[in-house]
Amino acid sequence: MALELTFEIEGETELARKLVGVSEDLKNWYPEFRKTGELLLKTFRDNFDTQGKELGVMWQPLSESTIAEKKRLGYPLTPLIRSGLMRRSFQSDPGNKQVIVFNPMDYFQYHQSRQARTHIPRRIMMKIDEKRKQLIVKIFQKSIEDTLQKRGLQTTV
């Protein structure tokens, strides 16, 4: 999705005056990356509740042996949930130019990775799907639109 800015020039001097400082206003993207991180954290946690449906990739059901083991140990009979620690461990580290969203649990990688599998099925917990892409673009579009409107520029973003 391309970003399009449209300006109606009423006078070169007036436009130049209104544009002063716009580039400075648009240098700090921390608030937008913070919002993006919050959106993704919620998405990835919700993905556990829907067992993959939130991101459009349903998780493979538990094997009979895993179900038996979980019953014997008293754990919930849902994929990737024993204590809930991995679901709660997603973190976001926003900055001015990027946001890093990650899960520091050692065993997270064994479920998420694209490595060849012999025992544990891949269950995607983190993914940026089309819906999230559109929501992220809207976060940044709104910020640009607000900045231009603050400067008295009519926008059609």
C-alpha atoms as a PDB file:
ATOM      1  CA  MET A   1       0.000   0.000   0.000  1.00  0.00           C
ATOM      2  CA  ALA A   2       1.630   3.242  -1.143  1.00  0.00           C
ATOM      3  CA  LEU A   3       1.452   6.460   0.827  1.00  0.00           C
ATOM      4  CA  GLU A   4       0.244   9.409  -1.197  1.00  0.00           C
ATOM      5  CA  LEU A   5       0.481  13.022  -0.033  1.00  0.00           C
ATOM      6  CA  THR A   6      -1.459  15.631  -1.989  1.00  0.00           C
ATOM      7  CA  PHE A   7      -0.857  19.368  -1.620  1.00  0.00           C
ATOM      8  CA  GLU A   8      -2.887  22.190  -3.118  1.00  0.00           C
ATOM      9  CA  ILE A   9      -0.488  25.094  -3.566  1.00  0.00           C
ATOM     10  CA  GLU A  10      -2.139  28.446  -2.888  1.00  0.00           C
ATOM     11  CA  GLY A  11       1.093  30.333  -2.811  1.00  0.00           C
ATOM     12  CA  GLU A  12       4.737  29.366  -2.645  1.00  0.00           C
ATOM     13  CA  THR A  13       5.488  31.504   0.416  1.00  0.00           C
ATOM     14  CA  GLU A  14       2.480  30.234   2.356  1.00  0.00           C
ATOM     15  CA  LEU A  15       3.289  26.623   1.537  1.00  0.00           C
ATOM     16  CA  ALA A  16       6.936  27.046   2.514  1.00  0.00           C
ATOM     17  CA  ARG A  17       5.869  28.573   5.846  1.00  0.00           C
ATOM     18  CA  LYS A  18       3.504  25.673   6.567  1.00  0.00           C
ATOM     19  CA  LEU A  19       6.089  23.041   5.640  1.00  0.00           C
ATOM     20  CA  VAL A  20       8.754  24.454   7.978  1.00  0.00           C
ATOM     21  CA  GLY A  21       9.404  21.870  10.647  1.00  0.00           C
ATOM     22  CA  VAL A  22       7.404  19.007   9.082  1.00  0.00           C
ATOM     23  CA  SER A  23      10.566  16.976   8.512  1.00  0.00           C
ATOM     24  CA  GLU A  24      11.581  17.548  12.143  1.00  0.00           C
ATOM     25  CA  ASP A  25       8.116  16.473  13.330  1.00  0.00           C
ATOM     26  CA  LEU A  26       8.398  13.264  11.309  1.00  0.00           C
ATOM     27  CA  LYS A  27      11.858  12.233  12.560  1.00  0.00           C
ATOM     28  CA  ASN A  28      10.713  10.681  15.826  1.00  0.00           C
ATOM     29  CA  TRP A  29       8.638   7.582  15.107  1.00  0.00           C
ATOM     30  CA  TYR A  30       8.854   6.229  18.670  1.00  0.00           C
ATOM     31  CA  PRO A  31       5.113   6.692  19.438  1.00  0.00           C
ATOM     32  CA  GLU A  32       4.111   4.873  16.241  1.00  0.00           C
ATOM     33  CA  PHE A  33       6.557   2.022  16.824  1.00  0.00           C
ATOM     34  CA  ARG A  34       5.348   1.752  20.440  1.00  0.00           C
ATOM     35  CA  LYS A  35       1.743   1.457  19.198  1.00  0.00           C
ATOM     36  CA  THR A  36       2.839  -1.078  16.586  1.00  0.00           C
ATOM     37  CA  GLY A  37       4.582  -3.138  19.280  1.00  0.00           C
ATOM     38  CA  GLU A  38       1.466  -3.044  21.468  1.00  0.00           C
ATOM     39  CA  LEU A  39      -0.689  -4.153  18.534  1.00  0.00           C
ATOM     40  CA  LEU A  40       1.616  -7.078  17.763  1.00  0.00           C
ATOM     41  CA  LEU A  41       1.913  -8.148  21.418  1.00  0.00           C
ATOM     42  CA  LYS A  42      -1.871  -8.307  21.681  1.00  0.00           C
ATOM     43  CA  THR A  43      -2.100 -10.192  18.372  1.00  0.00           C
ATOM     44  CA  PHE A  44       0.492 -12.793  19.359  1.00  0.00           C
ATOM     45  CA  ARG A  45      -1.105 -13.355  22.767  1.00  0.00           C
ATOM     46  CA  ASP A  46      -4.573 -13.619  21.194  1.00  0.00           C
ATOM     47  CA  ASN A  47      -3.139 -16.139  18.740  1.00  0.00           C
ATOM     48  CA  PHE A  48      -2.659 -18.523  21.677  1.00  0.00           C
ATOM     49  CA  ASP A  49      -6.344 -18.208  22.599  1.00  0.00           C
ATOM     50  CA  THR A  50      -7.392 -19.078  19.034  1.00  0.00           C
ATOM     51  CA  GLN A  51      -4.689 -21.755  18.566  1.00  0.00           C
ATOM     52  CA  GLY A  52      -3.338 -20.056  15.450  1.00  0.00           C
ATOM     53  CA  LYS A  53      -6.586 -18.813  13.918  1.00  0.00           C
ATOM     54  CA  GLU A  54      -5.797 -15.161  14.755  1.00  0.00           C
ATOM     55  CA  LEU A  55      -2.921 -15.281  12.268  1.00  0.00           C
ATOM     56  CA  GLY A  56      -4.658 -17.592   9.808  1.00  0.00           C
ATOM     57  CA  VAL A  57      -2.511 -20.687  10.438  1.00  0.00           C
ATOM     58  CA  MET A  58      -4.327 -23.129  12.717  1.00  0.00           C
ATOM     59  CA  TRP A  59      -2.082 -25.134  15.003  1.00  0.00           C
ATOM     60  CA  GLN A  60      -1.832 -28.865  14.563  1.00  0.00           C
ATOM     61  CA  PRO A  61      -3.774 -30.716  17.289  1.00  0.00           C
ATOM     62  CA  LEU A  62      -1.890 -32.444  20.065  1.00  0.00           C
ATOM     63  CA  SER A  63      -0.838 -36.011  19.471  1.00  0.00           C
ATOM     64  CA  GLU A  64      -2.468 -38.741  21.549  1.00  0.00           C
ATOM     65  CA  SER A  65       0.793 -39.291  23.458  1.00  0.00           C
ATOM     66  CA  THR A  66       1.033 -35.569  24.313  1.00  0.00           C
ATOM     67  CA  ILE A  67      -2.583 -35.528  25.447  1.00  0.00           C
ATOM     68  CA  ALA A  68      -1.917 -38.525  27.703  1.00  0.00           C
ATOM     69  CA  GLU A  69       1.210 -36.882  29.144  1.00  0.00           C
ATOM     70  CA  LYS A  70      -0.577 -33.574  29.783  1.00  0.00           C
ATOM     71  CA  LYS A  71      -3.461 -35.400  31.493  1.00  0.00           C
ATOM     72  CA  ARG A  72      -1.046 -37.352  33.663  1.00  0.00           C
ATOM     73  CA  LEU A  73       0.803 -34.158  34.682  1.00  0.00           C
ATOM     74  CA  GLY A  74      -2.352 -32.083  35.136  1.00  0.00           C
ATOM     75  CA  TYR A  75      -1.637 -29.564  32.365  1.00  0.00           C
ATOM     76  CA  PRO A  76      -4.257 -27.947  30.102  1.00  0.00           C
ATOM     77  CA  LEU A  77      -5.032 -29.986  26.989  1.00  0.00           C
ATOM     78  CA  THR A  78      -4.266 -27.122  24.588  1.00  0.00           C
ATOM     79  CA  PRO A  79      -1.191 -26.798  22.360  1.00  0.00           C
ATOM     80  CA  LEU A  80       1.724 -24.730  23.709  1.00  0.00           C
ATOM     81  CA  ILE A  81       0.145 -24.188  27.133  1.00  0.00           C
ATOM     82  CA  ARG A  82       1.523 -25.660  30.314  1.00  0.00           C
ATOM     83  CA  SER A  83       2.022 -22.736  32.662  1.00  0.00           C
ATOM     84  CA  GLY A  84       1.185 -19.914  30.224  1.00  0.00           C
ATOM     85  CA  LEU A  85       4.688 -18.479  30.618  1.00  0.00           C
ATOM     86  CA  MET A  86       5.546 -18.491  26.908  1.00  0.00           C
ATOM     87  CA  ARG A  87       2.278 -16.695  26.057  1.00  0.00           C
ATOM     88  CA  ARG A  88       3.027 -14.040  28.685  1.00  0.00           C
ATOM     89  CA  SER A  89       6.673 -13.635  27.641  1.00  0.00           C
ATOM     90  CA  PHE A  90       6.242 -11.710  24.369  1.00  0.00           C
ATOM     91  CA  GLN A  91       8.029  -8.373  24.608  1.00  0.00           C
ATOM     92  CA  SER A  92       8.298  -5.197  22.575  1.00  0.00           C
ATOM     93  CA  ASP A  93      11.314  -2.891  22.354  1.00  0.00           C
ATOM     94  CA  PRO A  94      10.329   0.257  20.415  1.00  0.00           C
ATOM     95  CA  GLY A  95      12.740   2.899  19.152  1.00  0.00           C
ATOM     96  CA  ASN A  96      12.676   5.870  16.769  1.00  0.00           C
ATOM     97  CA  LYS A  97      13.338   3.757  13.673  1.00  0.00           C
ATOM     98  CA  GLN A  98      12.033   0.277  14.484  1.00  0.00           C
ATOM     99  CA  VAL A  99      10.282  -1.938  16.964  1.00  0.00           C
ATOM    100  CA  ILE A 100      11.584  -5.348  17.926  1.00  0.00           C
ATOM    101  CA  VAL A 101       8.968  -7.822  19.110  1.00  0.00           C
ATOM    102  CA  PHE A 102      10.303 -11.086  20.497  1.00  0.00           C
ATOM    103  CA  ASN A 103       9.813 -13.950  22.892  1.00  0.00           C
ATOM    104  CA  PRO A 104      12.897 -14.687  25.030  1.00  0.00           C
ATOM    105  CA  MET A 105      11.818 -18.154  26.175  1.00  0.00           C
ATOM    106  CA  ASP A 106      14.438 -20.727  25.139  1.00  0.00           C
ATOM    107  CA  TYR A 107      11.863 -23.211  23.879  1.00  0.00           C
ATOM    108  CA  PHE A 108       9.940 -20.636  21.789  1.00  0.00           C
ATOM    109  CA  GLN A 109      12.288 -21.184  18.843  1.00  0.00           C
ATOM    110  CA  TYR A 110      11.512 -24.899  18.628  1.00  0.00           C
ATOM    111  CA  HIS A 111       7.842 -24.239  17.960  1.00  0.00           C
ATOM    112  CA  GLN A 112       8.145 -21.136  15.732  1.00  0.00           C
ATOM    113  CA  SER A 113      11.170 -21.976  13.550  1.00  0.00           C
ATOM    114  CA  ARG A 114      11.014 -23.220   9.956  1.00  0.00           C
ATOM    115  CA  GLN A 115      13.542 -25.976  10.654  1.00  0.00           C
ATOM    116  CA  ALA A 116      12.798 -29.485   9.450  1.00  0.00           C
ATOM    117  CA  ARG A 117      10.654 -31.355  11.955  1.00  0.00           C
ATOM    118  CA  THR A 118      10.698 -34.892  13.251  1.00  0.00           C
ATOM    119  CA  HIS A 119       8.906 -34.574  16.601  1.00  0.00           C
ATOM    120  CA  ILE A 120       7.439 -31.165  17.444  1.00  0.00           C
ATOM    121  CA  PRO A 121       5.065 -29.670  14.842  1.00  0.00           C
ATOM    122  CA  ARG A 122       5.529 -26.046  13.824  1.00  0.00           C
ATOM    123  CA  ARG A 123       2.992 -23.797  15.482  1.00  0.00           C
ATOM    124  CA  ILE A 124       3.292 -20.214  14.287  1.00  0.00           C
ATOM    125  CA  MET A 125       2.993 -17.777  17.146  1.00  0.00           C
ATOM    126  CA  MET A 126       4.441 -14.672  15.468  1.00  0.00           C
ATOM    127  CA  LYS A 127       3.604 -13.511  11.973  1.00  0.00           C
ATOM    128  CA  ILE A 128       2.643 -10.221  10.375  1.00  0.00           C
ATOM    129  CA  ASP A 129      -0.364 -11.047   8.248  1.00  0.00           C
ATOM    130  CA  GLU A 130      -2.185  -8.752   5.814  1.00  0.00           C
ATOM    131  CA  LYS A 131      -4.609  -7.511   8.486  1.00  0.00           C
ATOM    132  CA  ARG A 132      -1.735  -6.478  10.786  1.00  0.00           C
ATOM    133  CA  LYS A 133       0.127  -4.831   7.867  1.00  0.00           C
ATOM    134  CA  GLN A 134      -2.915  -2.681   7.161  1.00  0.00           C
ATOM    135  CA  LEU A 135      -3.338  -1.746  10.830  1.00  0.00           C
ATOM    136  CA  ILE A 136       0.346  -0.799  11.102  1.00  0.00           C
ATOM    137  CA  VAL A 137       0.141   1.362   7.967  1.00  0.00           C
ATOM    138  CA  LYS A 138      -2.883   3.126   9.477  1.00  0.00           C
ATOM    139  CA  ILE A 139      -0.891   3.937  12.630  1.00  0.00           C
ATOM    140  CA  PHE A 140       1.753   5.712  10.538  1.00  0.00           C
ATOM    141  CA  GLN A 141      -0.735   7.332   8.148  1.00  0.00           C
ATOM    142  CA  LYS A 142      -2.636   8.859  11.057  1.00  0.00           C
ATOM    143  CA  SER A 143       0.557  10.291  12.491  1.00  0.00           C
ATOM    144  CA  ILE A 144       1.548  11.879   9.180  1.00  0.00           C
ATOM    145  CA  GLU A 145      -1.959  13.217   8.672  1.00  0.00           C
ATOM    146  CA  ASP A 146      -2.049  14.692  12.196  1.00  0.00           C
ATOM    147  CA  THR A 147       1.371  16.311  11.681  1.00  0.00           C
ATOM    148  CA  LEU A 148       0.332  17.914   8.397  1.00  0.00           C
ATOM    149  CA  GLN A 149      -2.998  19.091   9.808  1.00  0.00           C
ATOM    150  CA  LYS A 150      -1.168  20.599  12.790  1.00  0.00           C
ATOM    151  CA  ARG A 151       0.788  22.651  10.234  1.00  0.00           C
ATOM    152  CA  GLY A 152      -2.416  23.775   8.530  1.00  0.00           C
ATOM    153  CA  LEU A 153      -2.061  21.535   5.493  1.00  0.00           C
ATOM    154  CA  GLN A 154      -5.145  19.799   4.136  1.00  0.00           C
ATOM    155  CA  THR A 155      -4.475  16.075   3.723  1.00  0.00           C
ATOM    156  CA  THR A 156      -6.023  13.255   1.724  1.00  0.00           C
ATOM    157  CA  VAL A 157      -3.979  10.348   3.050  1.00  0.00           C
END
